[in-house]
C-alpha cells in the first residue's frame, strides 16, 4: 500500500534573476531517440564545470540539450568557458534543489522525456547517457536511474546506492542500514535499489510530474534522497545502471569535512526523518544515543581545541527541533576544513 507523498516545499522568498549571457546554444541530435534535457549546476567551480561539460558534449547519445546554471558564483564565467551550451546566470545561490528545479521546469516545458542531472565535479564516459536512456526505455516503471560512480582513482563508490533483502522498503527508522551493491563489470544490467543518491541522476519526466520536484528547504544535502523516497511512494522504481559510468570528485563544491557541511548533513538528516518518517529529532538521537553523542561532541576536533564541528552540529540539532530550514551562513571560519589528525 502506498503511503501519502508529501508535496515538495519551495523556498519561495528567493528571487530568480537570470542575466544575459553570450554562452548560449543547443547541443541536440535529430532522431527518433527520446529527448533528454541535461543539467549541470555550477557554483564557483568553473574549471570542474568546463571538464564536466566537455564530457557531456562527447556523449555518443546525441538527442539532448545541455543547460549550465550558475548558482550565483562570486566570479563570472571565464572567457574560455565552453560556448556551445545554454547558459543561465542566477544572482543568488539557490542551493542544489533550487538551482536544479529551475532547469527541471524548463525541461518539462520543452517536453523532454528525461532530465539528466550531472554534478559539475563529475565526468561522464561517452556512452554513460546512452546506457541510462536505453535502460529507462526498456522498462517504463523506472522513475530514476543512476550510473556506476567511480572515484578519481578508479574505485567504485559503493555508498551511493544500497539494497535490502527480499525487496524490503528502506526505512531509516525501522531498517536504517542498507547493503552496498558491489561492483561488477559494465554488462548492461539494471539493479533495483532501495536507496539512491548520486552525482548522476536520470529522472523520468512523468515521474517528476507525479512526485514533484526537489524540496528546496534542504538547500544542501539529502534533497535527492527526499525526492527518491517520494518517487518510490508514488509507485516508481529506482535503479543502478552498471553500463553507465561516471567519475566523481567528492565534495568539490562544499568540502564534506567543513563545519558548514557538517551542519547541513546533520540538520537535513533530522529533517528528512521527521518529514518523511515522522521521527522527531530527539527520537532520532535516542534511537542511537552513543553514536549520536560521539558525532555531536566531535571528540577529536574538540580535544585539539577546534570547537567548530561541535558548534555546527549543536546548531544543526537546535535548528532541526525548531524547524528551521534553507540556507544558513555560519561564517567564513566554518567554511575552512577541519584538520585531520596526523597519519590519517
Protein backbone atom coordinates (compact mmCIF):
# COMPACT_ATOMS: atom_id res chain seq x y z
CA UNK A 1 0.00 0.00 0.00
CA UNK A 2 1.41 3.37 -0.97
CA UNK A 3 1.94 5.95 1.73
CA UNK A 4 0.94 9.59 1.13
CA UNK A 5 3.53 11.52 -0.82
CA UNK A 6 4.31 14.88 0.85
CA UNK A 7 4.49 17.73 -1.61
CA UNK A 8 7.90 19.32 -2.13
CA UNK A 9 8.48 22.56 -0.31
CA UNK A 10 9.85 25.64 -2.03
CA UNK A 11 11.97 28.49 -0.74
CA UNK A 12 9.51 30.97 -2.19
CA UNK A 13 11.21 34.07 -0.82
CA UNK A 14 14.24 33.61 -3.04
CA UNK A 15 14.14 35.56 -6.29
CA UNK A 16 15.37 34.07 -9.53
CA UNK A 17 17.15 36.68 -11.61
CA UNK A 18 18.66 35.43 -14.87
CA UNK A 19 21.10 37.71 -16.62
CA UNK A 20 22.05 37.68 -20.30
CA UNK A 21 24.99 35.55 -21.33
CA UNK A 22 26.84 35.17 -24.57
CA UNK A 23 27.42 31.49 -23.77
CA UNK A 24 24.24 30.14 -25.30
CA UNK A 25 23.48 27.38 -27.72
CA UNK A 26 21.94 23.95 -28.20
CA UNK A 27 23.51 20.53 -28.37
CA UNK A 28 20.79 18.31 -29.81
CA UNK A 29 20.61 15.47 -32.25
CA UNK A 30 17.87 14.96 -34.80
CA UNK A 31 16.47 11.47 -34.48
CA UNK A 32 13.60 9.46 -33.07
CA UNK A 33 15.53 8.90 -29.84
CA UNK A 34 13.96 10.24 -26.62
CA UNK A 35 14.78 13.88 -25.92
CA UNK A 36 16.93 14.38 -22.80
CA UNK A 37 17.49 17.69 -21.01
CA UNK A 38 20.89 17.73 -19.30
CA UNK A 39 21.50 19.97 -16.27
CA UNK A 40 24.87 20.95 -14.82
CA UNK A 41 24.80 23.26 -11.79
CA UNK A 42 27.89 25.39 -11.11
CA UNK A 43 28.95 27.29 -8.02
CA UNK A 44 32.46 28.78 -8.02
CA UNK A 45 33.94 25.76 -9.82
CA UNK A 46 34.35 26.83 -13.43
CA UNK A 47 37.29 24.56 -14.18
CA UNK A 48 35.47 21.45 -12.98
CA UNK A 49 32.29 22.56 -14.74
CA UNK A 50 34.16 23.01 -18.03
CA UNK A 51 35.52 19.46 -17.77
CA UNK A 52 32.04 18.14 -16.98
CA UNK A 53 30.58 19.98 -19.98
CA UNK A 54 33.25 18.57 -22.28
CA UNK A 55 32.38 15.05 -21.15
CA UNK A 56 28.69 15.65 -21.88
CA UNK A 57 29.39 17.09 -25.33
CA UNK A 58 31.45 13.98 -26.11
CA UNK A 59 28.42 11.75 -25.48
CA UNK A 60 27.61 9.17 -28.13
CA UNK A 61 23.93 9.80 -27.38
CA UNK A 62 23.10 12.92 -29.36
CA UNK A 63 19.48 13.89 -28.77
CA UNK A 64 19.92 16.17 -25.81
CA UNK A 65 20.12 19.79 -24.82
CA UNK A 66 22.57 20.94 -22.18
CA UNK A 67 21.86 23.76 -19.75
CA UNK A 68 24.58 25.06 -17.42
CA UNK A 69 23.13 27.00 -14.49
CA UNK A 70 25.43 29.21 -12.46
CA UNK A 71 24.17 29.35 -8.90
CA UNK A 72 25.27 32.88 -8.02
CA UNK A 73 29.04 32.33 -8.21
CA UNK A 74 31.33 35.06 -6.94
CA UNK A 75 33.24 35.11 -10.23
CA UNK A 76 31.64 35.30 -13.70
CA UNK A 77 32.18 32.62 -16.30
CA UNK A 78 35.68 32.84 -17.80
CA UNK A 79 36.07 33.86 -21.43
CA UNK A 80 37.36 30.38 -22.21
CA UNK A 81 34.19 28.67 -20.95
CA UNK A 82 32.59 26.30 -23.48
CA UNK A 83 30.26 28.43 -25.66
CA UNK A 84 28.26 25.57 -27.21
CA UNK A 85 25.74 25.24 -24.41
CA UNK A 86 22.74 27.03 -22.99
CA UNK A 87 23.81 29.12 -20.02
CA UNK A 88 21.69 30.63 -17.24
CA UNK A 89 23.10 33.02 -14.64
CA UNK A 90 21.38 33.36 -11.26
CA UNK A 91 22.02 36.31 -8.97
CA UNK A 92 22.00 34.24 -5.79
CA UNK A 93 22.79 30.73 -4.66
CA UNK A 94 19.51 28.82 -4.56
CA UNK A 95 21.13 25.58 -3.45
CA UNK A 96 21.19 22.23 -5.22
CA UNK A 97 17.42 21.89 -5.21
CA UNK A 98 16.55 25.46 -6.16
CA UNK A 99 19.06 25.66 -8.98
CA UNK A 100 18.16 22.29 -10.47
CA UNK A 101 14.43 22.92 -10.12
CA UNK A 102 14.76 25.87 -12.49
CA UNK A 103 16.30 23.58 -15.06
CA UNK A 104 13.75 20.81 -14.45
CA UNK A 105 10.88 23.22 -15.07
CA UNK A 106 12.49 24.20 -18.36
CA UNK A 107 12.85 20.54 -19.27
CA UNK A 108 9.19 19.86 -18.55
CA UNK A 109 8.14 22.92 -20.56
CA UNK A 110 10.18 21.59 -23.50
CA UNK A 111 8.55 18.15 -23.16
CA UNK A 112 11.81 16.34 -22.50
CA UNK A 113 11.19 12.68 -21.72
CA UNK A 114 14.11 12.59 -19.29
CA UNK A 115 16.16 15.00 -17.21
CA UNK A 116 19.78 14.07 -16.58
CA UNK A 117 21.31 15.87 -13.60
CA UNK A 118 25.07 15.65 -13.56
CA UNK A 119 27.18 17.15 -10.78
CA UNK A 120 29.64 19.72 -12.08
CA UNK A 121 32.52 17.82 -10.42
CA UNK A 122 31.64 14.67 -12.37
CA UNK A 123 32.79 13.48 -15.79
CA UNK A 124 30.72 11.03 -17.79
CA UNK A 125 32.06 8.39 -20.12
CA UNK A 126 30.85 8.81 -23.73
CA UNK A 127 28.25 6.04 -23.51
CA UNK A 128 27.01 6.92 -20.00
CA UNK A 129 23.90 8.81 -21.08
CA UNK A 130 23.02 6.32 -23.78
CA UNK A 131 23.16 3.43 -21.31
CA UNK A 132 20.83 5.26 -18.92
CA UNK A 133 18.31 6.06 -21.66
CA UNK A 134 18.39 2.51 -23.01
CA UNK A 135 17.63 1.12 -19.56
CA UNK A 136 14.84 3.63 -18.94
CA UNK A 137 13.22 2.92 -22.29
CA UNK A 138 13.27 -0.83 -21.66
CA UNK A 139 11.05 -0.53 -18.57
CA UNK A 140 8.64 2.36 -18.04
CA UNK A 141 8.47 1.74 -14.27
CA UNK A 142 11.94 3.19 -13.68
CA UNK A 143 11.43 6.62 -12.16
CA UNK A 144 15.10 7.36 -11.52
CA UNK A 145 18.33 5.70 -12.61
CA UNK A 146 21.90 6.34 -11.58
CA UNK A 147 25.25 5.49 -13.10
CA UNK A 148 28.01 3.39 -11.58
CA UNK A 149 30.05 6.08 -9.82
CA UNK A 150 33.84 5.85 -9.82
CA UNK A 151 36.32 7.77 -7.70
CA UNK A 152 39.16 9.61 -9.49
CA UNK A 153 41.48 6.65 -8.81
CA UNK A 154 39.07 4.23 -10.49
CA UNK A 155 37.42 2.62 -7.46
CA UNK A 156 33.65 2.17 -7.30
CA UNK A 157 31.88 4.42 -4.80
CA UNK A 158 29.59 1.85 -3.20
CA UNK A 159 28.00 4.22 -0.70
CA UNK A 160 25.67 5.92 -3.18
CA UNK A 161 23.26 3.03 -3.71
CA UNK A 162 22.04 0.24 -1.47
CA UNK A 163 19.75 -2.77 -1.39
CA UNK A 164 17.63 -4.58 1.16
CA UNK A 165 16.96 -8.34 1.19
CA UNK A 166 13.69 -9.72 -0.18
CA UNK A 167 12.64 -6.43 -1.73
CA UNK A 168 12.01 -4.71 1.60
CA UNK A 169 11.35 -0.99 1.67
CA UNK A 170 14.08 1.17 3.13
CA UNK A 171 13.09 2.98 6.31
CA UNK A 172 15.68 4.93 8.35
CA UNK A 173 13.60 4.40 11.50
CA UNK A 174 12.92 0.65 11.31
CA UNK A 175 15.53 -0.51 8.74
CA UNK A 176 18.26 2.13 8.69
CA UNK A 177 21.00 0.00 7.14
CA UNK A 178 21.24 -0.99 3.51
CA UNK A 179 23.70 -3.37 1.88
CA UNK A 180 26.07 -1.66 -0.58
CA UNK A 181 25.89 -3.06 -4.08
CA UNK A 182 29.25 -4.49 -5.00
CA UNK A 183 30.97 -3.51 -8.22
CA UNK A 184 30.56 -5.63 -11.30
CA UNK A 185 31.52 -5.35 -14.93
CA UNK A 186 29.52 -2.93 -17.03
CA UNK A 187 27.30 -5.61 -18.50
CA UNK A 188 24.20 -3.53 -19.10
CA UNK A 189 22.25 -4.89 -16.16
CA UNK A 190 19.91 -2.67 -14.19
CA UNK A 191 19.58 -3.43 -10.50
CA UNK A 192 16.68 -2.17 -8.47
CA UNK A 193 17.86 -0.39 -5.34
CA UNK A 194 16.19 0.68 -2.12
CA UNK A 195 18.33 3.79 -1.70
CA UNK A 196 19.74 6.02 -4.41
CA UNK A 197 21.73 9.23 -4.34
CA UNK A 198 24.43 10.38 -6.61
CA UNK A 199 26.12 12.78 -8.95
CA UNK A 200 24.40 11.24 -11.99
CA UNK A 201 20.61 11.03 -11.93
CA UNK A 202 18.38 10.30 -14.91
CA UNK A 203 14.84 11.30 -13.92
CA UNK A 204 11.75 10.39 -15.91
CA UNK A 205 9.65 13.49 -16.56
CA UNK A 206 6.39 11.62 -15.93
CA UNK A 207 7.74 10.56 -12.55
CA UNK A 208 8.60 14.15 -11.67
CA UNK A 209 5.09 15.23 -12.63
CA UNK A 210 3.61 12.75 -10.16
CA UNK A 211 6.08 13.04 -7.26
CA UNK A 212 7.10 16.69 -7.58
CA UNK A 213 10.48 18.37 -7.83
CA UNK A 214 13.30 18.72 -5.29
CA UNK A 215 12.40 20.10 -1.86
CA UNK A 216 14.23 23.44 -1.74
CA UNK A 217 14.06 23.72 2.04
CA UNK A 218 17.06 21.37 2.40
CA UNK A 219 19.31 23.75 0.43
CA UNK A 220 22.35 21.46 0.55
CA UNK A 221 22.45 17.64 1.02
CA UNK A 222 19.68 15.00 1.14
CA UNK A 223 17.46 16.70 -1.45
CA UNK A 224 17.91 13.78 -3.82
CA UNK A 225 17.16 11.21 -1.11
CA UNK A 226 13.96 13.09 -0.29
CA UNK A 227 12.92 13.02 -3.94
CA UNK A 228 13.81 9.34 -4.33
CA UNK A 229 11.65 8.43 -1.34
CA UNK A 230 8.72 10.37 -2.79
CA UNK A 231 9.19 8.69 -6.17
CA UNK A 232 9.01 5.25 -4.55
CA UNK A 233 5.91 6.21 -2.59
CA UNK A 234 4.33 7.36 -5.85
CA UNK A 235 4.90 3.89 -7.31
CA UNK A 236 8.14 4.38 -9.27
CA UNK A 237 11.27 2.22 -9.09
CA UNK A 238 14.91 3.21 -8.58
CA UNK A 239 17.76 1.54 -10.39
CA UNK A 240 21.51 1.34 -10.91
CA UNK A 241 22.78 1.02 -14.49
CA UNK A 242 26.22 -0.54 -14.32
CA UNK A 243 26.96 0.07 -18.00
CA UNK A 244 26.74 3.82 -17.39
CA UNK A 245 29.94 5.07 -15.75
CA UNK A 246 30.69 8.46 -14.26
CA UNK A 247 33.79 9.61 -12.39
CA UNK A 248 33.10 11.90 -9.44
CA UNK A 249 35.39 14.03 -7.27
CA UNK A 250 33.61 14.15 -3.91
CA UNK A 251 32.83 17.44 -2.26
CA UNK A 252 34.26 19.81 -4.85
CA UNK A 253 31.58 22.45 -4.28
CA UNK A 254 31.48 22.43 -0.48
CA UNK A 255 34.02 20.10 1.08
CA UNK A 256 32.50 17.37 3.23
CA UNK A 257 34.96 17.99 6.07
CA UNK A 258 34.00 21.59 6.78
CA UNK A 259 31.83 22.50 9.77
CA UNK A 260 29.36 24.16 7.38
CA UNK A 261 28.91 20.81 5.61
CA UNK A 262 28.51 19.03 8.94
CA UNK A 263 25.74 21.46 9.81
CA UNK A 264 23.77 20.75 6.64
CA UNK A 265 24.35 17.00 6.81
CA UNK A 266 23.07 16.70 10.37
CA UNK A 267 20.24 19.22 10.18
CA UNK A 268 18.93 17.77 6.94
CA UNK A 269 19.19 14.20 8.19
CA UNK A 270 16.95 15.15 11.11
CA UNK A 271 14.60 16.97 8.73
CA UNK A 272 14.45 14.03 6.32
CA UNK A 273 13.46 11.56 9.02
CA UNK A 274 10.90 13.91 10.55
CA UNK A 275 9.30 14.96 7.27
CA UNK A 276 9.01 11.55 5.61
CA UNK A 277 9.02 9.10 8.53
CA UNK A 278 7.55 11.12 11.39
CA UNK A 279 10.63 10.80 13.63
CA UNK A 280 11.25 13.83 15.84
CA UNK A 281 14.95 14.83 16.08
CA UNK A 282 15.02 13.78 19.73
CA UNK A 283 13.71 10.36 18.77
CA UNK A 284 16.48 10.05 16.18
CA UNK A 285 19.09 10.84 18.84
CA UNK A 286 17.58 8.48 21.40
CA UNK A 287 17.47 5.63 18.89
CA UNK A 288 21.28 5.59 18.71
CA UNK A 289 22.35 7.74 21.69
CA UNK A 290 26.02 6.73 21.92
CA UNK A 291 26.68 7.09 18.20
CA UNK A 292 24.86 10.41 18.04
CA UNK A 293 26.59 11.74 21.14
CA UNK A 294 30.01 10.80 19.77
CA UNK A 295 29.21 12.54 16.49
CA UNK A 296 27.87 15.61 18.25
CA UNK A 297 30.87 16.04 20.52
CA UNK A 298 33.31 15.62 17.59
CA UNK A 299 35.83 14.50 20.20
CA UNK A 300 38.98 14.50 18.12
CA UNK A 301 38.49 18.05 16.90
CA UNK A 302 37.29 19.28 20.29
CA UNK A 303 40.29 17.81 22.11
CA UNK A 304 42.54 19.62 19.64
CA UNK A 305 40.85 22.87 20.57
CA UNK A 306 38.68 23.14 17.45
CA UNK A 307 35.10 23.51 18.65
CA UNK A 308 33.66 24.38 15.23
CA UNK A 309 32.33 20.85 14.49
CA UNK A 310 30.71 20.72 17.93
CA UNK A 311 29.14 24.15 17.48
CA UNK A 312 27.94 23.36 13.96
CA UNK A 313 26.29 20.09 14.94
CA UNK A 314 24.71 21.54 18.07
CA UNK A 315 23.26 24.32 15.91
CA UNK A 316 22.03 21.70 13.43
CA UNK A 317 20.11 19.84 16.15
CA UNK A 318 18.65 23.06 17.55
CA UNK A 319 17.52 24.26 14.12
CA UNK A 320 16.04 20.85 13.30
CA UNK A 321 13.97 20.90 16.50
CA UNK A 322 12.81 24.44 15.70
CA UNK A 323 12.02 23.53 12.11
CA UNK A 324 14.47 25.99 10.62
CA UNK A 325 15.34 25.18 7.00
CA UNK A 326 17.02 26.74 3.98
CA UNK A 327 20.47 28.33 3.74
CA UNK A 328 22.36 29.17 6.92
CA UNK A 329 25.57 31.20 6.99
CA UNK A 330 27.70 30.10 9.94
CA UNK A 331 30.56 32.40 8.96
CA UNK A 332 33.78 32.16 7.00
CA UNK A 333 35.53 30.13 9.71
CA UNK A 334 33.03 27.33 9.22
CA UNK A 335 33.96 27.01 5.54
CA UNK A 336 37.52 26.03 6.45
CA UNK A 337 38.29 22.32 6.55
CA UNK A 338 38.67 20.52 9.85
CA UNK A 339 42.34 19.42 10.06
CA UNK A 340 42.81 15.66 10.05
CA UNK A 341 44.87 14.00 12.78
CA UNK A 342 48.40 13.12 11.76
CA UNK A 343 48.66 9.82 9.95
CA UNK A 344 45.04 9.98 8.73
